[in-house]
Amino acid sequence: PDSPLSCTKNNPTLSDRFTITINSLGDISMNIDSLECSYESTYTCQVVLSQAAGVKQADAFLRIK
């Protein structure tokens, strides 16, 4: 079955570096381990609320300084 939470860059080989934390209702964090400069990009995060409610999606731009 599909995971209810997913965040990916357009490169599925990086998915093992992503972890998702639900802090509270409406507050979800995406963590990326072992950052590299090449990870600077726009990421899409999806949360499956339920089959009836559907999927919520947001894009986040990661800038590495």
PDB file of N, CA and C in Angstrom:
ATOM      1  N   PRO A   1       0.829  -1.206   0.000  1.00  0.00           N
ATOM      2  CA  PRO A   1       0.000   0.000   0.000  1.00  0.00           C
ATOM      3  C   PRO A   1       0.863   1.255   0.000  1.00  0.00           C
ATOM      4  N   ASP A   2       0.289   2.326  -0.531  1.00  0.00           N
ATOM      5  CA  ASP A   2       1.001   3.600  -0.574  1.00  0.00           C
ATOM      6  C   ASP A   2       1.110   4.192   0.820  1.00  0.00           C
ATOM      7  N   SER A   3       2.216   4.876   1.050  1.00  0.00           N
ATOM      8  CA  SER A   3       2.400   5.574   2.314  1.00  0.00           C
ATOM      9  C   SER A   3       1.487   6.789   2.332  1.00  0.00           C
ATOM     10  N   PRO A   4       0.885   7.122   3.477  1.00  0.00           N
ATOM     11  CA  PRO A   4       0.018   8.303   3.528  1.00  0.00           C
ATOM     12  C   PRO A   4       0.785   9.611   3.445  1.00  0.00           C
ATOM     13  N   LEU A   5       2.083   9.564   3.646  1.00  0.00           N
ATOM     14  CA  LEU A   5       2.906  10.761   3.569  1.00  0.00           C
ATOM     15  C   LEU A   5       4.041  10.510   2.604  1.00  0.00           C
ATOM     16  N   SER A   6       4.293  11.467   1.732  1.00  0.00           N
ATOM     17  CA  SER A   6       5.440  11.309   0.843  1.00  0.00           C
ATOM     18  C   SER A   6       5.955  12.669   0.436  1.00  0.00           C
ATOM     19  N   CYS A   7       7.248  12.782   0.345  1.00  0.00           N
ATOM     20  CA  CYS A   7       7.890  13.988  -0.143  1.00  0.00           C
ATOM     21  C   CYS A   7       9.004  13.543  -1.068  1.00  0.00           C
ATOM     22  N   THR A   8       9.001  14.057  -2.275  1.00  0.00           N
ATOM     23  CA  THR A   8      10.020  13.622  -3.216  1.00  0.00           C
ATOM     24  C   THR A   8      10.500  14.765  -4.072  1.00  0.00           C
ATOM     25  N   LYS A   9      11.746  14.704  -4.415  1.00  0.00           N
ATOM     26  CA  LYS A   9      12.298  15.509  -5.482  1.00  0.00           C
ATOM     27  C   LYS A   9      12.127  14.617  -6.703  1.00  0.00           C
ATOM     28  N   ASN A  10      12.250  15.126  -7.884  1.00  0.00           N
ATOM     29  CA  ASN A  10      12.060  14.296  -9.068  1.00  0.00           C
ATOM     30  C   ASN A  10      13.213  13.318  -9.235  1.00  0.00           C
ATOM     31  N   ASN A  11      13.502  12.565  -8.197  1.00  0.00           N
ATOM     32  CA  ASN A  11      14.573  11.578  -8.210  1.00  0.00           C
ATOM     33  C   ASN A  11      14.262  10.542  -7.132  1.00  0.00           C
ATOM     34  N   PRO A  12      13.614   9.433  -7.506  1.00  0.00           N
ATOM     35  CA  PRO A  12      13.182   8.461  -6.498  1.00  0.00           C
ATOM     36  C   PRO A  12      14.326   7.813  -5.724  1.00  0.00           C
ATOM     37  N   THR A  13      15.557   7.881  -6.209  1.00  0.00           N
ATOM     38  CA  THR A  13      16.676   7.262  -5.497  1.00  0.00           C
ATOM     39  C   THR A  13      17.014   8.013  -4.214  1.00  0.00           C
ATOM     40  N   LEU A  14      16.519   9.222  -4.050  1.00  0.00           N
ATOM     41  CA  LEU A  14      16.794  10.002  -2.840  1.00  0.00           C
ATOM     42  C   LEU A  14      15.780   9.747  -1.731  1.00  0.00           C
ATOM     43  N   SER A  15      14.721   8.999  -2.005  1.00  0.00           N
ATOM     44  CA  SER A  15      13.615   8.882  -1.056  1.00  0.00           C
ATOM     45  C   SER A  15      14.025   8.296   0.291  1.00  0.00           C
ATOM     46  N   ASP A  16      15.100   7.508   0.358  1.00  0.00           N
ATOM     47  CA  ASP A  16      15.522   6.954   1.642  1.00  0.00           C
ATOM     48  C   ASP A  16      16.134   8.010   2.555  1.00  0.00           C
ATOM     49  N   ARG A  17      16.396   9.196   2.047  1.00  0.00           N
ATOM     50  CA  ARG A  17      16.959  10.284   2.867  1.00  0.00           C
ATOM     51  C   ARG A  17      15.880  11.182   3.459  1.00  0.00           C
ATOM     52  N   PHE A  18      14.629  10.951   3.106  1.00  0.00           N
ATOM     53  CA  PHE A  18      13.524  11.775   3.569  1.00  0.00           C
ATOM     54  C   PHE A  18      12.827  11.129   4.754  1.00  0.00           C
ATOM     55  N   THR A  19      12.506  11.921   5.761  1.00  0.00           N
ATOM     56  CA  THR A  19      11.644  11.467   6.846  1.00  0.00           C
ATOM     57  C   THR A  19      10.582  12.530   7.073  1.00  0.00           C
ATOM     58  N   ILE A  20       9.422  12.082   7.468  1.00  0.00           N
ATOM     59  CA  ILE A  20       8.290  12.970   7.705  1.00  0.00           C
ATOM     60  C   ILE A  20       7.926  12.879   9.182  1.00  0.00           C
ATOM     61  N   THR A  21       7.681  14.030   9.807  1.00  0.00           N
ATOM     62  CA  THR A  21       7.277  14.079  11.206  1.00  0.00           C
ATOM     63  C   THR A  21       5.979  14.862  11.305  1.00  0.00           C
ATOM     64  N   ILE A  22       4.984  14.273  11.966  1.00  0.00           N
ATOM     65  CA  ILE A  22       3.732  14.986  12.219  1.00  0.00           C
ATOM     66  C   ILE A  22       3.844  15.582  13.612  1.00  0.00           C
ATOM     67  N   ASN A  23       3.964  16.909  13.679  1.00  0.00           N
ATOM     68  CA  ASN A  23       4.144  17.600  14.953  1.00  0.00           C
ATOM     69  C   ASN A  23       2.813  17.838  15.657  1.00  0.00           C
ATOM     70  N   SER A  24       1.815  18.240  14.906  1.00  0.00           N
ATOM     71  CA  SER A  24       0.466  18.445  15.412  1.00  0.00           C
ATOM     72  C   SER A  24      -0.437  18.600  14.197  1.00  0.00           C
ATOM     73  N   LEU A  25      -1.723  18.704  14.423  1.00  0.00           N
ATOM     74  CA  LEU A  25      -2.669  18.848  13.326  1.00  0.00           C
ATOM     75  C   LEU A  25      -2.289  20.048  12.464  1.00  0.00           C
ATOM     76  N   GLY A  26      -2.019  19.809  11.192  1.00  0.00           N
ATOM     77  CA  GLY A  26      -1.653  20.880  10.279  1.00  0.00           C
ATOM     78  C   GLY A  26      -0.188  21.264  10.298  1.00  0.00           C
ATOM     79  N   ASP A  27       0.629  20.560  11.062  1.00  0.00           N
ATOM     80  CA  ASP A  27       2.056  20.885  11.176  1.00  0.00           C
ATOM     81  C   ASP A  27       2.883  19.637  10.896  1.00  0.00           C
ATOM     82  N   ILE A  28       3.333  19.510   9.669  1.00  0.00           N
ATOM     83  CA  ILE A  28       4.110  18.354   9.236  1.00  0.00           C
ATOM     84  C   ILE A  28       5.473  18.842   8.770  1.00  0.00           C
ATOM     85  N   SER A  29       6.524  18.165   9.219  1.00  0.00           N
ATOM     86  CA  SER A  29       7.889  18.536   8.843  1.00  0.00           C
ATOM     87  C   SER A  29       8.480  17.500   7.901  1.00  0.00           C
ATOM     88  N   MET A  30       9.270  17.985   6.941  1.00  0.00           N
ATOM     89  CA  MET A  30      10.025  17.117   6.053  1.00  0.00           C
ATOM     90  C   MET A  30      11.493  17.297   6.399  1.00  0.00           C
ATOM     91  N   ASN A  31      12.173  16.209   6.688  1.00  0.00           N
ATOM     92  CA  ASN A  31      13.601  16.252   6.995  1.00  0.00           C
ATOM     93  C   ASN A  31      14.361  15.512   5.910  1.00  0.00           C
ATOM     94  N   ILE A  32      15.498  16.074   5.510  1.00  0.00           N
ATOM     95  CA  ILE A  32      16.348  15.446   4.503  1.00  0.00           C
ATOM     96  C   ILE A  32      17.713  15.228   5.139  1.00  0.00           C
ATOM     97  N   ASP A  33      18.151  13.975   5.194  1.00  0.00           N
ATOM     98  CA  ASP A  33      19.449  13.635   5.778  1.00  0.00           C
ATOM     99  C   ASP A  33      20.567  13.832   4.767  1.00  0.00           C
ATOM    100  N   SER A  34      21.751  14.134   5.272  1.00  0.00           N
ATOM    101  CA  SER A  34      22.973  14.234   4.460  1.00  0.00           C
ATOM    102  C   SER A  34      22.786  15.162   3.262  1.00  0.00           C
ATOM    103  N   LEU A  35      22.419  16.405   3.559  1.00  0.00           N
ATOM    104  CA  LEU A  35      22.182  17.383   2.491  1.00  0.00           C
ATOM    105  C   LEU A  35      23.416  17.606   1.634  1.00  0.00           C
ATOM    106  N   GLU A  36      23.180  17.805   0.369  1.00  0.00           N
ATOM    107  CA  GLU A  36      24.224  18.167  -0.582  1.00  0.00           C
ATOM    108  C   GLU A  36      23.723  19.373  -1.363  1.00  0.00           C
ATOM    109  N   CYS A  37      24.637  20.174  -1.874  1.00  0.00           N
ATOM    110  CA  CYS A  37      24.248  21.373  -2.625  1.00  0.00           C
ATOM    111  C   CYS A  37      23.335  21.030  -3.797  1.00  0.00           C
ATOM    112  N   SER A  38      23.513  19.865  -4.375  1.00  0.00           N
ATOM    113  CA  SER A  38      22.697  19.478  -5.530  1.00  0.00           C
ATOM    114  C   SER A  38      21.236  19.229  -5.157  1.00  0.00           C
ATOM    115  N   TYR A  39      20.907  19.192  -3.857  1.00  0.00           N
ATOM    116  CA  TYR A  39      19.528  18.965  -3.431  1.00  0.00           C
ATOM    117  C   TYR A  39      18.687  20.235  -3.507  1.00  0.00           C
ATOM    118  N   GLU A  40      19.320  21.384  -3.775  1.00  0.00           N
ATOM    119  CA  GLU A  40      18.559  22.621  -3.885  1.00  0.00           C
ATOM    120  C   GLU A  40      17.586  22.477  -5.041  1.00  0.00           C
ATOM    121  N   SER A  41      16.307  22.558  -4.724  1.00  0.00           N
ATOM    122  CA  SER A  41      15.284  22.303  -5.733  1.00  0.00           C
ATOM    123  C   SER A  41      13.916  22.574  -5.127  1.00  0.00           C
ATOM    124  N   THR A  42      12.884  22.409  -5.937  1.00  0.00           N
ATOM    125  CA  THR A  42      11.512  22.453  -5.451  1.00  0.00           C
ATOM    126  C   THR A  42      11.066  21.027  -5.177  1.00  0.00           C
ATOM    127  N   TYR A  43      10.518  20.801  -3.984  1.00  0.00           N
ATOM    128  CA  TYR A  43      10.033  19.496  -3.564  1.00  0.00           C
ATOM    129  C   TYR A  43       8.520  19.548  -3.457  1.00  0.00           C
ATOM    130  N   THR A  44       7.881  18.448  -3.747  1.00  0.00           N
ATOM    131  CA  THR A  44       6.439  18.335  -3.621  1.00  0.00           C
ATOM    132  C   THR A  44       6.127  17.373  -2.490  1.00  0.00           C
ATOM    133  N   CYS A  45       5.302  17.814  -1.551  1.00  0.00           N
ATOM    134  CA  CYS A  45       4.890  16.973  -0.427  1.00  0.00           C
ATOM    135  C   CYS A  45       3.399  16.699  -0.542  1.00  0.00           C
ATOM    136  N   GLN A  46       3.025  15.441  -0.341  1.00  0.00           N
ATOM    137  CA  GLN A  46       1.622  15.050  -0.397  1.00  0.00           C
ATOM    138  C   GLN A  46       1.247  14.344   0.893  1.00  0.00           C
ATOM    139  N   VAL A  47       0.043  14.653   1.390  1.00  0.00           N
ATOM    140  CA  VAL A  47      -0.506  13.991   2.564  1.00  0.00           C
ATOM    141  C   VAL A  47      -1.865  13.436   2.166  1.00  0.00           C
ATOM    142  N   VAL A  48      -2.044  12.121   2.319  1.00  0.00           N
ATOM    143  CA  VAL A  48      -3.327  11.487   2.039  1.00  0.00           C
ATOM    144  C   VAL A  48      -4.139  11.543   3.326  1.00  0.00           C
ATOM    145  N   LEU A  49      -5.196  12.350   3.316  1.00  0.00           N
ATOM    146  CA  LEU A  49      -6.011  12.514   4.516  1.00  0.00           C
ATOM    147  C   LEU A  49      -6.919  11.308   4.722  1.00  0.00           C
ATOM    148  N   SER A  50      -7.613  10.921   3.688  1.00  0.00           N
ATOM    149  CA  SER A  50      -8.472   9.738   3.667  1.00  0.00           C
ATOM    150  C   SER A  50      -8.937   9.573   2.229  1.00  0.00           C
ATOM    151  N   GLN A  51      -9.550   8.435   1.926  1.00  0.00           N
ATOM    152  CA  GLN A  51     -10.044   8.253   0.563  1.00  0.00           C
ATOM    153  C   GLN A  51     -11.106   9.292   0.236  1.00  0.00           C
ATOM    154  N   ALA A  52     -11.943   9.616   1.204  1.00  0.00           N
ATOM    155  CA  ALA A  52     -13.009  10.589   0.974  1.00  0.00           C
ATOM    156  C   ALA A  52     -12.473  12.014   0.876  1.00  0.00           C
ATOM    157  N   ALA A  53     -11.518  12.359   1.738  1.00  0.00           N
ATOM    158  CA  ALA A  53     -10.995  13.730   1.775  1.00  0.00           C
ATOM    159  C   ALA A  53      -9.952  13.986   0.695  1.00  0.00           C
ATOM    160  N   GLY A  54      -9.306  12.926   0.229  1.00  0.00           N
ATOM    161  CA  GLY A  54      -8.331  13.091  -0.847  1.00  0.00           C
ATOM    162  C   GLY A  54      -6.940  13.432  -0.355  1.00  0.00           C
ATOM    163  N   VAL A  55      -6.175  14.017  -1.264  1.00  0.00           N
ATOM    164  CA  VAL A  55      -4.759  14.303  -1.036  1.00  0.00           C
ATOM    165  C   VAL A  55      -4.549  15.808  -0.966  1.00  0.00           C
ATOM    166  N   LYS A  56      -3.788  16.249   0.010  1.00  0.00           N
ATOM    167  CA  LYS A  56      -3.348  17.642   0.086  1.00  0.00           C
ATOM    168  C   LYS A  56      -1.905  17.681  -0.382  1.00  0.00           C
ATOM    169  N   GLN A  57      -1.573  18.698  -1.156  1.00  0.00           N
ATOM    170  CA  GLN A  57      -0.232  18.782  -1.732  1.00  0.00           C
ATOM    171  C   GLN A  57       0.310  20.190  -1.571  1.00  0.00           C
ATOM    172  N   ALA A  58       1.617  20.285  -1.319  1.00  0.00           N
ATOM    173  CA  ALA A  58       2.284  21.581  -1.222  1.00  0.00           C
ATOM    174  C   ALA A  58       3.676  21.461  -1.815  1.00  0.00           C
ATOM    175  N   ASP A  59       4.139  22.527  -2.421  1.00  0.00           N
ATOM    176  CA  ASP A  59       5.499  22.585  -2.943  1.00  0.00           C
ATOM    177  C   ASP A  59       6.348  23.424  -2.000  1.00  0.00           C
ATOM    178  N   ALA A  60       7.586  23.016  -1.817  1.00  0.00           N
ATOM    179  CA  ALA A  60       8.529  23.755  -0.971  1.00  0.00           C
ATOM    180  C   ALA A  60       9.845  23.872  -1.716  1.00  0.00           C
ATOM    181  N   PHE A  61      10.423  25.082  -1.710  1.00  0.00           N
ATOM    182  CA  PHE A  61      11.726  25.264  -2.341  1.00  0.00           C
ATOM    183  C   PHE A  61      12.795  25.168  -1.271  1.00  0.00           C
ATOM    184  N   LEU A  62      13.785  24.323  -1.502  1.00  0.00           N
ATOM    185  CA  LEU A  62      14.898  24.150  -0.574  1.00  0.00           C
ATOM    186  C   LEU A  62      16.100  24.905  -1.101  1.00  0.00           C
ATOM    187  N   ARG A  63      16.584  25.868  -0.309  1.00  0.00           N
ATOM    188  CA  ARG A  63      17.793  26.610  -0.660  1.00  0.00           C
ATOM    189  C   ARG A  63      18.863  26.254   0.362  1.00  0.00           C
ATOM    190  N   ILE A  64      20.019  25.863  -0.114  1.00  0.00           N
ATOM    191  CA  ILE A  64      21.122  25.487   0.761  1.00  0.00           C
ATOM    192  C   ILE A  64      22.149  26.610   0.751  1.00  0.00           C
ATOM    193  N   LYS A  65      22.494  27.116   1.953  1.00  0.00           N
ATOM    194  CA  LYS A  65      23.450  28.220   2.070  1.00  0.00           C
ATOM    195  C   LYS A  65      24.743  27.725   2.645  1.00  0.00           C
TER     196      LYS A  65
END
